[in-house]
């Protein structure tokens, strides 16, 4: 199955429903991936990410 990005939280998911925000609004059209391990990092703060995981940069 293709990777999809949630349009709401930008998390990269495998299914059509996002397990984090429970929305079905996902797409296969996204650009760039960032993997966040530390939510206190400068990149996580700039992107507004509060949970570790894989995120799309542009959806």
N, C-alpha and C. Protein backbone atom coordinates (compact mmCIF):
# COMPACT_ATOMS: atom_id res chain seq x y z
N UNK A 1 0.84 -1.18 0.00
CA UNK A 1 0.00 0.00 0.00
C UNK A 1 0.89 1.25 0.00
N UNK A 2 0.48 2.26 -0.70
CA UNK A 2 1.25 3.50 -0.82
C UNK A 2 1.19 4.31 0.47
N UNK A 3 2.24 5.06 0.70
CA UNK A 3 2.23 5.95 1.85
C UNK A 3 1.29 7.11 1.58
N UNK A 4 0.59 7.54 2.60
CA UNK A 4 -0.36 8.64 2.49
C UNK A 4 -0.03 9.66 3.57
N UNK A 5 -0.43 10.90 3.35
CA UNK A 5 -0.24 11.95 4.34
C UNK A 5 -1.60 12.48 4.77
N UNK A 6 -1.77 12.62 6.06
CA UNK A 6 -3.00 13.19 6.60
C UNK A 6 -2.99 14.69 6.34
N UNK A 7 -4.05 15.21 5.77
CA UNK A 7 -4.12 16.65 5.49
C UNK A 7 -4.32 17.47 6.75
N UNK A 8 -4.78 16.84 7.81
CA UNK A 8 -5.04 17.55 9.05
C UNK A 8 -3.78 17.69 9.91
N UNK A 9 -3.10 16.56 10.20
CA UNK A 9 -1.93 16.60 11.08
C UNK A 9 -0.61 16.37 10.35
N UNK A 10 -0.65 16.08 9.04
CA UNK A 10 0.51 15.87 8.18
C UNK A 10 1.31 14.60 8.50
N UNK A 11 0.79 13.74 9.33
CA UNK A 11 1.49 12.50 9.66
C UNK A 11 1.43 11.54 8.47
N UNK A 12 2.53 10.82 8.22
CA UNK A 12 2.59 9.82 7.16
C UNK A 12 1.96 8.54 7.71
N UNK A 13 0.98 8.01 6.97
CA UNK A 13 0.25 6.82 7.41
C UNK A 13 0.20 5.80 6.28
N UNK A 14 -0.14 4.57 6.60
CA UNK A 14 -0.24 3.49 5.61
C UNK A 14 -1.68 3.29 5.14
N UNK A 15 -2.66 3.64 5.95
CA UNK A 15 -4.06 3.40 5.63
C UNK A 15 -4.75 4.70 5.22
N UNK A 16 -6.01 4.59 4.80
CA UNK A 16 -6.74 5.79 4.37
C UNK A 16 -7.24 6.61 5.55
N UNK A 17 -7.31 6.02 6.74
CA UNK A 17 -7.71 6.77 7.93
C UNK A 17 -6.49 7.02 8.81
N UNK A 18 -6.34 8.25 9.25
CA UNK A 18 -5.23 8.60 10.14
C UNK A 18 -5.51 8.04 11.53
N UNK A 19 -4.58 7.26 12.10
CA UNK A 19 -4.81 6.70 13.44
C UNK A 19 -4.69 7.74 14.55
N UNK A 20 -4.10 8.89 14.25
CA UNK A 20 -3.90 9.91 15.27
C UNK A 20 -5.12 10.81 15.41
N UNK A 21 -5.55 11.43 14.30
CA UNK A 21 -6.67 12.37 14.38
C UNK A 21 -7.98 11.78 13.87
N UNK A 22 -7.96 10.52 13.44
CA UNK A 22 -9.16 9.76 13.03
C UNK A 22 -9.90 10.33 11.83
N UNK A 23 -9.24 11.09 10.99
CA UNK A 23 -9.87 11.64 9.80
C UNK A 23 -9.57 10.76 8.59
N UNK A 24 -10.44 10.78 7.61
CA UNK A 24 -10.23 10.05 6.36
C UNK A 24 -9.65 10.95 5.29
N UNK A 25 -9.29 12.16 5.62
CA UNK A 25 -8.77 13.13 4.67
C UNK A 25 -7.27 12.94 4.49
N UNK A 26 -6.89 11.91 3.72
CA UNK A 26 -5.49 11.62 3.44
C UNK A 26 -5.24 11.69 1.94
N UNK A 27 -3.98 11.88 1.58
CA UNK A 27 -3.62 11.99 0.17
C UNK A 27 -2.28 11.32 -0.09
N UNK A 28 -2.08 10.89 -1.33
CA UNK A 28 -0.78 10.34 -1.73
C UNK A 28 0.09 11.44 -2.34
N UNK A 29 -0.46 12.63 -2.48
CA UNK A 29 0.25 13.75 -3.08
C UNK A 29 0.83 14.65 -1.98
N UNK A 30 2.10 14.40 -1.64
CA UNK A 30 2.78 15.23 -0.66
C UNK A 30 4.25 15.32 -1.03
N UNK A 31 4.93 16.32 -0.49
CA UNK A 31 6.34 16.53 -0.79
C UNK A 31 7.15 16.55 0.49
N UNK A 32 8.24 15.81 0.47
CA UNK A 32 9.19 15.82 1.57
C UNK A 32 8.70 15.08 2.80
N UNK A 33 9.64 14.49 3.51
CA UNK A 33 9.33 13.77 4.74
C UNK A 33 10.33 14.21 5.80
N UNK A 34 9.83 14.45 6.99
CA UNK A 34 10.70 14.74 8.13
C UNK A 34 10.34 13.74 9.22
N UNK A 35 11.37 13.18 9.86
CA UNK A 35 11.15 12.23 10.96
C UNK A 35 11.55 12.93 12.25
N UNK A 36 10.60 13.03 13.16
CA UNK A 36 10.82 13.73 14.42
C UNK A 36 11.00 12.70 15.54
N UNK A 37 12.14 12.77 16.21
CA UNK A 37 12.40 11.94 17.38
C UNK A 37 12.23 12.76 18.65
N UNK A 38 12.70 14.00 18.61
CA UNK A 38 12.67 14.89 19.78
C UNK A 38 11.72 16.05 19.49
N UNK A 39 10.62 16.11 20.21
CA UNK A 39 9.62 17.16 19.97
C UNK A 39 10.09 18.53 20.48
N UNK A 40 11.19 18.56 21.19
CA UNK A 40 11.75 19.83 21.67
C UNK A 40 12.78 20.39 20.69
N UNK A 41 13.02 19.70 19.57
CA UNK A 41 14.01 20.18 18.59
C UNK A 41 13.50 21.43 17.89
N UNK A 42 14.42 22.17 17.31
CA UNK A 42 14.07 23.41 16.61
C UNK A 42 13.16 23.14 15.41
N UNK A 43 13.42 22.07 14.69
CA UNK A 43 12.58 21.73 13.52
C UNK A 43 11.16 21.40 13.96
N UNK A 44 11.01 20.59 15.00
CA UNK A 44 9.68 20.24 15.49
C UNK A 44 8.92 21.48 15.94
N UNK A 45 9.61 22.38 16.61
CA UNK A 45 8.96 23.62 17.06
C UNK A 45 8.53 24.48 15.89
N UNK A 46 9.39 24.61 14.88
CA UNK A 46 9.04 25.43 13.70
C UNK A 46 7.86 24.86 12.94
N UNK A 47 7.77 23.52 12.87
CA UNK A 47 6.67 22.88 12.14
C UNK A 47 5.43 22.70 13.01
N UNK A 48 5.54 22.98 14.30
CA UNK A 48 4.39 22.83 15.20
C UNK A 48 4.06 21.39 15.52
N UNK A 49 5.07 20.53 15.53
CA UNK A 49 4.87 19.10 15.78
C UNK A 49 5.05 18.82 17.27
N UNK A 50 4.08 18.11 17.86
CA UNK A 50 4.12 17.84 19.29
C UNK A 50 4.26 16.36 19.63
N UNK A 51 4.31 15.48 18.62
CA UNK A 51 4.45 14.04 18.86
C UNK A 51 5.49 13.47 17.90
N UNK A 52 6.32 12.54 18.36
CA UNK A 52 7.31 11.92 17.47
C UNK A 52 6.63 11.14 16.35
N UNK A 53 7.30 11.06 15.19
CA UNK A 53 6.78 10.29 14.06
C UNK A 53 7.26 10.82 12.73
N UNK A 54 6.70 10.27 11.63
CA UNK A 54 7.02 10.71 10.27
C UNK A 54 5.96 11.70 9.82
N UNK A 55 6.40 12.83 9.25
CA UNK A 55 5.49 13.88 8.82
C UNK A 55 5.83 14.35 7.42
N UNK A 56 4.80 14.73 6.66
CA UNK A 56 4.99 15.33 5.35
C UNK A 56 5.33 16.81 5.54
N UNK A 57 6.23 17.34 4.73
CA UNK A 57 6.58 18.75 4.82
C UNK A 57 5.52 19.60 4.13
N UNK A 58 5.07 19.17 2.96
CA UNK A 58 4.05 19.91 2.22
C UNK A 58 2.98 18.93 1.74
N UNK A 59 1.72 19.21 2.09
CA UNK A 59 0.59 18.36 1.69
C UNK A 59 -0.26 19.12 0.71
